[in-house]
Amino acid sequence: MKKNMGQKDRIVRVILGVTMLVYAVVFQNMVGLVGVIPLLTGASGYCPLYSVLGIQSFRFED
């Protein structure tokens, strides 16, 4: 699995994921559990949807 997400993209996803999970806990709302998806993709640096769409925000360092 190659990384296809840049550093900024990963940071935004992790923050969004944590925020959504906190929302799920505070308001006892199952919809907030969707926050697991951006959290996991941000932590791993790989987004399956990016692969399907041919998007890559990761810059290769020469």
PDB file of N, CA and C in Angstrom:
ATOM      1  N   MET A   1       0.846  -1.172   0.000  1.00  0.00           N
ATOM      2  CA  MET A   1       0.000   0.000   0.000  1.00  0.00           C
ATOM      3  C   MET A   1       0.894   1.239   0.000  1.00  0.00           C
ATOM      4  N   LYS A   2       0.856   1.985  -1.099  1.00  0.00           N
ATOM      5  CA  LYS A   2       1.642   3.211  -1.200  1.00  0.00           C
ATOM      6  C   LYS A   2       0.881   4.375  -0.594  1.00  0.00           C
ATOM      7  N   LYS A   3       1.612   5.290   0.016  1.00  0.00           N
ATOM      8  CA  LYS A   3       0.982   6.496   0.544  1.00  0.00           C
ATOM      9  C   LYS A   3       0.513   7.343  -0.626  1.00  0.00           C
ATOM     10  N   ASN A   4      -0.672   7.894  -0.513  1.00  0.00           N
ATOM     11  CA  ASN A   4      -1.184   8.788  -1.547  1.00  0.00           C
ATOM     12  C   ASN A   4      -1.762  10.068  -0.962  1.00  0.00           C
ATOM     13  N   MET A   5      -1.419  10.333   0.308  1.00  0.00           N
ATOM     14  CA  MET A   5      -1.908  11.531   0.976  1.00  0.00           C
ATOM     15  C   MET A   5      -0.739  12.332   1.529  1.00  0.00           C
ATOM     16  N   GLY A   6      -0.807  13.646   1.341  1.00  0.00           N
ATOM     17  CA  GLY A   6       0.220  14.530   1.855  1.00  0.00           C
ATOM     18  C   GLY A   6       0.041  14.796   3.343  1.00  0.00           C
ATOM     19  N   GLN A   7       1.028  15.451   3.920  1.00  0.00           N
ATOM     20  CA  GLN A   7       1.045  15.709   5.360  1.00  0.00           C
ATOM     21  C   GLN A   7      -0.146  16.560   5.805  1.00  0.00           C
ATOM     22  N   LYS A   8      -0.444  17.623   5.066  1.00  0.00           N
ATOM     23  CA  LYS A   8      -1.562  18.500   5.449  1.00  0.00           C
ATOM     24  C   LYS A   8      -2.889  17.752   5.364  1.00  0.00           C
ATOM     25  N   ASP A   9      -3.044  16.976   4.325  1.00  0.00           N
ATOM     26  CA  ASP A   9      -4.260  16.180   4.148  1.00  0.00           C
ATOM     27  C   ASP A   9      -4.441  15.210   5.312  1.00  0.00           C
ATOM     28  N   ARG A  10      -3.368  14.580   5.725  1.00  0.00           N
ATOM     29  CA  ARG A  10      -3.422  13.627   6.834  1.00  0.00           C
ATOM     30  C   ARG A  10      -3.791  14.316   8.146  1.00  0.00           C
ATOM     31  N   ILE A  11      -3.197  15.468   8.408  1.00  0.00           N
ATOM     32  CA  ILE A  11      -3.470  16.202   9.648  1.00  0.00           C
ATOM     33  C   ILE A  11      -4.935  16.615   9.713  1.00  0.00           C
ATOM     34  N   VAL A  12      -5.459  17.136   8.605  1.00  0.00           N
ATOM     35  CA  VAL A  12      -6.860  17.557   8.563  1.00  0.00           C
ATOM     36  C   VAL A  12      -7.786  16.369   8.815  1.00  0.00           C
ATOM     37  N   ARG A  13      -7.478  15.222   8.220  1.00  0.00           N
ATOM     38  CA  ARG A  13      -8.314  14.036   8.398  1.00  0.00           C
ATOM     39  C   ARG A  13      -8.287  13.523   9.835  1.00  0.00           C
ATOM     40  N   VAL A  14      -7.121  13.536  10.458  1.00  0.00           N
ATOM     41  CA  VAL A  14      -7.030  13.064  11.844  1.00  0.00           C
ATOM     42  C   VAL A  14      -7.826  13.986  12.766  1.00  0.00           C
ATOM     43  N   ILE A  15      -7.680  15.292  12.576  1.00  0.00           N
ATOM     44  CA  ILE A  15      -8.433  16.249  13.397  1.00  0.00           C
ATOM     45  C   ILE A  15      -9.933  16.077  13.176  1.00  0.00           C
ATOM     46  N   LEU A  16     -10.347  15.928  11.922  1.00  0.00           N
ATOM     47  CA  LEU A  16     -11.758  15.724  11.611  1.00  0.00           C
ATOM     48  C   LEU A  16     -12.275  14.429  12.234  1.00  0.00           C
ATOM     49  N   GLY A  17     -11.500  13.365  12.137  1.00  0.00           N
ATOM     50  CA  GLY A  17     -11.906  12.085  12.695  1.00  0.00           C
ATOM     51  C   GLY A  17     -12.074  12.127  14.204  1.00  0.00           C
ATOM     52  N   VAL A  18     -11.109  12.738  14.878  1.00  0.00           N
ATOM     53  CA  VAL A  18     -11.190  12.850  16.335  1.00  0.00           C
ATOM     54  C   VAL A  18     -12.385  13.715  16.733  1.00  0.00           C
ATOM     55  N   THR A  19     -12.595  14.808  16.022  1.00  0.00           N
ATOM     56  CA  THR A  19     -13.726  15.686  16.307  1.00  0.00           C
ATOM     57  C   THR A  19     -15.057  14.944  16.162  1.00  0.00           C
ATOM     58  N   MET A  20     -15.179  14.161  15.113  1.00  0.00           N
ATOM     59  CA  MET A  20     -16.417  13.412  14.890  1.00  0.00           C
ATOM     60  C   MET A  20     -16.620  12.343  15.961  1.00  0.00           C
ATOM     61  N   LEU A  21     -15.552  11.704  16.399  1.00  0.00           N
ATOM     62  CA  LEU A  21     -15.676  10.698  17.449  1.00  0.00           C
ATOM     63  C   LEU A  21     -16.047  11.331  18.792  1.00  0.00           C
ATOM     64  N   VAL A  22     -15.485  12.496  19.081  1.00  0.00           N
ATOM     65  CA  VAL A  22     -15.860  13.213  20.307  1.00  0.00           C
ATOM     66  C   VAL A  22     -17.340  13.593  20.244  1.00  0.00           C
ATOM     67  N   TYR A  23     -17.780  14.042  19.080  1.00  0.00           N
ATOM     68  CA  TYR A  23     -19.202  14.354  18.887  1.00  0.00           C
ATOM     69  C   TYR A  23     -20.064  13.129  19.172  1.00  0.00           C
ATOM     70  N   ALA A  24     -19.629  11.976  18.679  1.00  0.00           N
ATOM     71  CA  ALA A  24     -20.386  10.730  18.887  1.00  0.00           C
ATOM     72  C   ALA A  24     -20.503  10.398  20.366  1.00  0.00           C
ATOM     73  N   VAL A  25     -19.438  10.634  21.108  1.00  0.00           N
ATOM     74  CA  VAL A  25     -19.442  10.297  22.537  1.00  0.00           C
ATOM     75  C   VAL A  25     -20.265  11.314  23.327  1.00  0.00           C
ATOM     76  N   VAL A  26     -20.032  12.595  23.065  1.00  0.00           N
ATOM     77  CA  VAL A  26     -20.703  13.647  23.831  1.00  0.00           C
ATOM     78  C   VAL A  26     -22.208  13.629  23.607  1.00  0.00           C
ATOM     79  N   PHE A  27     -22.625  13.517  22.346  1.00  0.00           N
ATOM     80  CA  PHE A  27     -24.050  13.581  22.033  1.00  0.00           C
ATOM     81  C   PHE A  27     -24.686  12.202  21.877  1.00  0.00           C
ATOM     82  N   GLN A  28     -23.927  11.175  22.163  1.00  0.00           N
ATOM     83  CA  GLN A  28     -24.395   9.794  22.053  1.00  0.00           C
ATOM     84  C   GLN A  28     -25.109   9.565  20.726  1.00  0.00           C
ATOM     85  N   ASN A  29     -24.384   9.897  19.659  1.00  0.00           N
ATOM     86  CA  ASN A  29     -24.922   9.829  18.311  1.00  0.00           C
ATOM     87  C   ASN A  29     -24.070   8.870  17.488  1.00  0.00           C
ATOM     88  N   MET A  30     -24.678   7.867  16.900  1.00  0.00           N
ATOM     89  CA  MET A  30     -23.945   6.861  16.131  1.00  0.00           C
ATOM     90  C   MET A  30     -23.381   7.422  14.832  1.00  0.00           C
ATOM     91  N   VAL A  31     -23.965   8.500  14.317  1.00  0.00           N
ATOM     92  CA  VAL A  31     -23.484   9.093  13.073  1.00  0.00           C
ATOM     93  C   VAL A  31     -22.040   9.564  13.219  1.00  0.00           C
ATOM     94  N   GLY A  32     -21.680  10.019  14.381  1.00  0.00           N
ATOM     95  CA  GLY A  32     -20.324  10.483  14.627  1.00  0.00           C
ATOM     96  C   GLY A  32     -19.277   9.396  14.514  1.00  0.00           C
ATOM     97  N   LEU A  33     -19.705   8.141  14.570  1.00  0.00           N
ATOM     98  CA  LEU A  33     -18.754   7.032  14.439  1.00  0.00           C
ATOM     99  C   LEU A  33     -18.170   6.935  13.040  1.00  0.00           C
ATOM    100  N   VAL A  34     -18.743   7.641  12.094  1.00  0.00           N
ATOM    101  CA  VAL A  34     -18.180   7.721  10.748  1.00  0.00           C
ATOM    102  C   VAL A  34     -16.787   8.359  10.817  1.00  0.00           C
ATOM    103  N   GLY A  35     -16.489   9.049  11.899  1.00  0.00           N
ATOM    104  CA  GLY A  35     -15.179   9.670  12.107  1.00  0.00           C
ATOM    105  C   GLY A  35     -14.039   8.677  12.130  1.00  0.00           C
ATOM    106  N   VAL A  36     -14.348   7.403  12.275  1.00  0.00           N
ATOM    107  CA  VAL A  36     -13.299   6.369  12.247  1.00  0.00           C
ATOM    108  C   VAL A  36     -12.637   6.334  10.872  1.00  0.00           C
ATOM    109  N   ILE A  37     -13.398   6.583   9.816  1.00  0.00           N
ATOM    110  CA  ILE A  37     -12.859   6.502   8.451  1.00  0.00           C
ATOM    111  C   ILE A  37     -11.775   7.551   8.209  1.00  0.00           C
ATOM    112  N   PRO A  38     -12.045   8.848   8.414  1.00  0.00           N
ATOM    113  CA  PRO A  38     -10.960   9.808   8.192  1.00  0.00           C
ATOM    114  C   PRO A  38      -9.807   9.628   9.181  1.00  0.00           C
ATOM    115  N   LEU A  39     -10.105   9.155  10.377  1.00  0.00           N
ATOM    116  CA  LEU A  39      -9.048   8.929  11.357  1.00  0.00           C
ATOM    117  C   LEU A  39      -8.095   7.838  10.874  1.00  0.00           C
ATOM    118  N   LEU A  40      -8.630   6.732  10.393  1.00  0.00           N
ATOM    119  CA  LEU A  40      -7.790   5.634   9.925  1.00  0.00           C
ATOM    120  C   LEU A  40      -7.044   5.983   8.635  1.00  0.00           C
ATOM    121  N   THR A  41      -7.713   6.645   7.705  1.00  0.00           N
ATOM    122  CA  THR A  41      -7.023   7.003   6.463  1.00  0.00           C
ATOM    123  C   THR A  41      -5.941   8.049   6.726  1.00  0.00           C
ATOM    124  N   GLY A  42      -6.211   8.972   7.630  1.00  0.00           N
ATOM    125  CA  GLY A  42      -5.203   9.972   7.979  1.00  0.00           C
ATOM    126  C   GLY A  42      -4.017   9.364   8.691  1.00  0.00           C
ATOM    127  N   ALA A  43      -4.262   8.409   9.563  1.00  0.00           N
ATOM    128  CA  ALA A  43      -3.168   7.758  10.291  1.00  0.00           C
ATOM    129  C   ALA A  43      -2.324   6.883   9.382  1.00  0.00           C
ATOM    130  N   SER A  44      -2.956   6.242   8.409  1.00  0.00           N
ATOM    131  CA  SER A  44      -2.212   5.334   7.526  1.00  0.00           C
ATOM    132  C   SER A  44      -1.557   6.053   6.350  1.00  0.00           C
ATOM    133  N   GLY A  45      -2.108   7.196   5.942  1.00  0.00           N
ATOM    134  CA  GLY A  45      -1.558   7.914   4.800  1.00  0.00           C
ATOM    135  C   GLY A  45      -2.040   7.366   3.468  1.00  0.00           C
ATOM    136  N   TYR A  46      -3.005   6.471   3.508  1.00  0.00           N
ATOM    137  CA  TYR A  46      -3.541   5.860   2.288  1.00  0.00           C
ATOM    138  C   TYR A  46      -5.053   5.991   2.260  1.00  0.00           C
ATOM    139  N   CYS A  47      -5.567   6.473   1.144  1.00  0.00           N
ATOM    140  CA  CYS A  47      -7.011   6.607   0.967  1.00  0.00           C
ATOM    141  C   CYS A  47      -7.427   5.772  -0.244  1.00  0.00           C
ATOM    142  N   PRO A  48      -8.234   4.735  -0.032  1.00  0.00           N
ATOM    143  CA  PRO A  48      -8.669   3.907  -1.157  1.00  0.00           C
ATOM    144  C   PRO A  48      -9.443   4.697  -2.230  1.00  0.00           C
ATOM    145  N   LEU A  49     -10.234   5.671  -1.812  1.00  0.00           N
ATOM    146  CA  LEU A  49     -10.989   6.470  -2.768  1.00  0.00           C
ATOM    147  C   LEU A  49     -10.048   7.291  -3.657  1.00  0.00           C
ATOM    148  N   TYR A  50      -8.967   7.809  -3.088  1.00  0.00           N
ATOM    149  CA  TYR A  50      -7.972   8.524  -3.882  1.00  0.00           C
ATOM    150  C   TYR A  50      -7.396   7.619  -4.961  1.00  0.00           C
ATOM    151  N   SER A  51      -7.149   6.357  -4.628  1.00  0.00           N
ATOM    152  CA  SER A  51      -6.606   5.414  -5.601  1.00  0.00           C
ATOM    153  C   SER A  51      -7.573   5.197  -6.759  1.00  0.00           C
ATOM    154  N   VAL A  52      -8.843   5.042  -6.439  1.00  0.00           N
ATOM    155  CA  VAL A  52      -9.860   4.820  -7.468  1.00  0.00           C
ATOM    156  C   VAL A  52      -9.977   6.034  -8.381  1.00  0.00           C
ATOM    157  N   LEU A  53      -9.920   7.226  -7.802  1.00  0.00           N
ATOM    158  CA  LEU A  53     -10.076   8.456  -8.578  1.00  0.00           C
ATOM    159  C   LEU A  53      -8.772   8.964  -9.186  1.00  0.00           C
ATOM    160  N   GLY A  54      -7.658   8.342  -8.843  1.00  0.00           N
ATOM    161  CA  GLY A  54      -6.364   8.758  -9.383  1.00  0.00           C
ATOM    162  C   GLY A  54      -5.825  10.032  -8.769  1.00  0.00           C
ATOM    163  N   ILE A  55      -6.232  10.334  -7.556  1.00  0.00           N
ATOM    164  CA  ILE A  55      -5.792  11.538  -6.856  1.00  0.00           C
ATOM    165  C   ILE A  55      -4.600  11.194  -5.974  1.00  0.00           C
ATOM    166  N   GLN A  56      -3.649  12.128  -5.902  1.00  0.00           N
ATOM    167  CA  GLN A  56      -2.500  11.914  -5.028  1.00  0.00           C
ATOM    168  C   GLN A  56      -2.041  13.260  -4.487  1.00  0.00           C
ATOM    169  N   SER A  57      -2.098  13.442  -3.188  1.00  0.00           N
ATOM    170  CA  SER A  57      -1.639  14.689  -2.577  1.00  0.00           C
ATOM    171  C   SER A  57      -0.270  14.517  -1.929  1.00  0.00           C
ATOM    172  N   PHE A  58       0.291  13.322  -2.057  1.00  0.00           N
ATOM    173  CA  PHE A  58       1.612  13.026  -1.491  1.00  0.00           C
ATOM    174  C   PHE A  58       2.677  13.445  -2.481  1.00  0.00           C
ATOM    175  N   ARG A  59       3.661  14.203  -2.017  1.00  0.00           N
ATOM    176  CA  ARG A  59       4.764  14.639  -2.888  1.00  0.00           C
ATOM    177  C   ARG A  59       5.968  13.742  -2.636  1.00  0.00           C
ATOM    178  N   PHE A  60       6.495  13.221  -3.717  1.00  0.00           N
ATOM    179  CA  PHE A  60       7.688  12.399  -3.606  1.00  0.00           C
ATOM    180  C   PHE A  60       8.905  13.276  -3.402  1.00  0.00           C
ATOM    181  N   GLU A  61       9.744  12.904  -2.466  1.00  0.00           N
ATOM    182  CA  GLU A  61      10.961  13.667  -2.221  1.00  0.00           C
ATOM    183  C   GLU A  61      12.091  13.045  -3.013  1.00  0.00           C
ATOM    184  N   ASP A  62      12.765  13.860  -3.818  1.00  0.00           N
ATOM    185  CA  ASP A  62      13.872  13.350  -4.626  1.00  0.00           C
ATOM    186  C   ASP A  62      15.154  13.315  -3.862  1.00  0.00           C
TER     187      ASP A  62
END
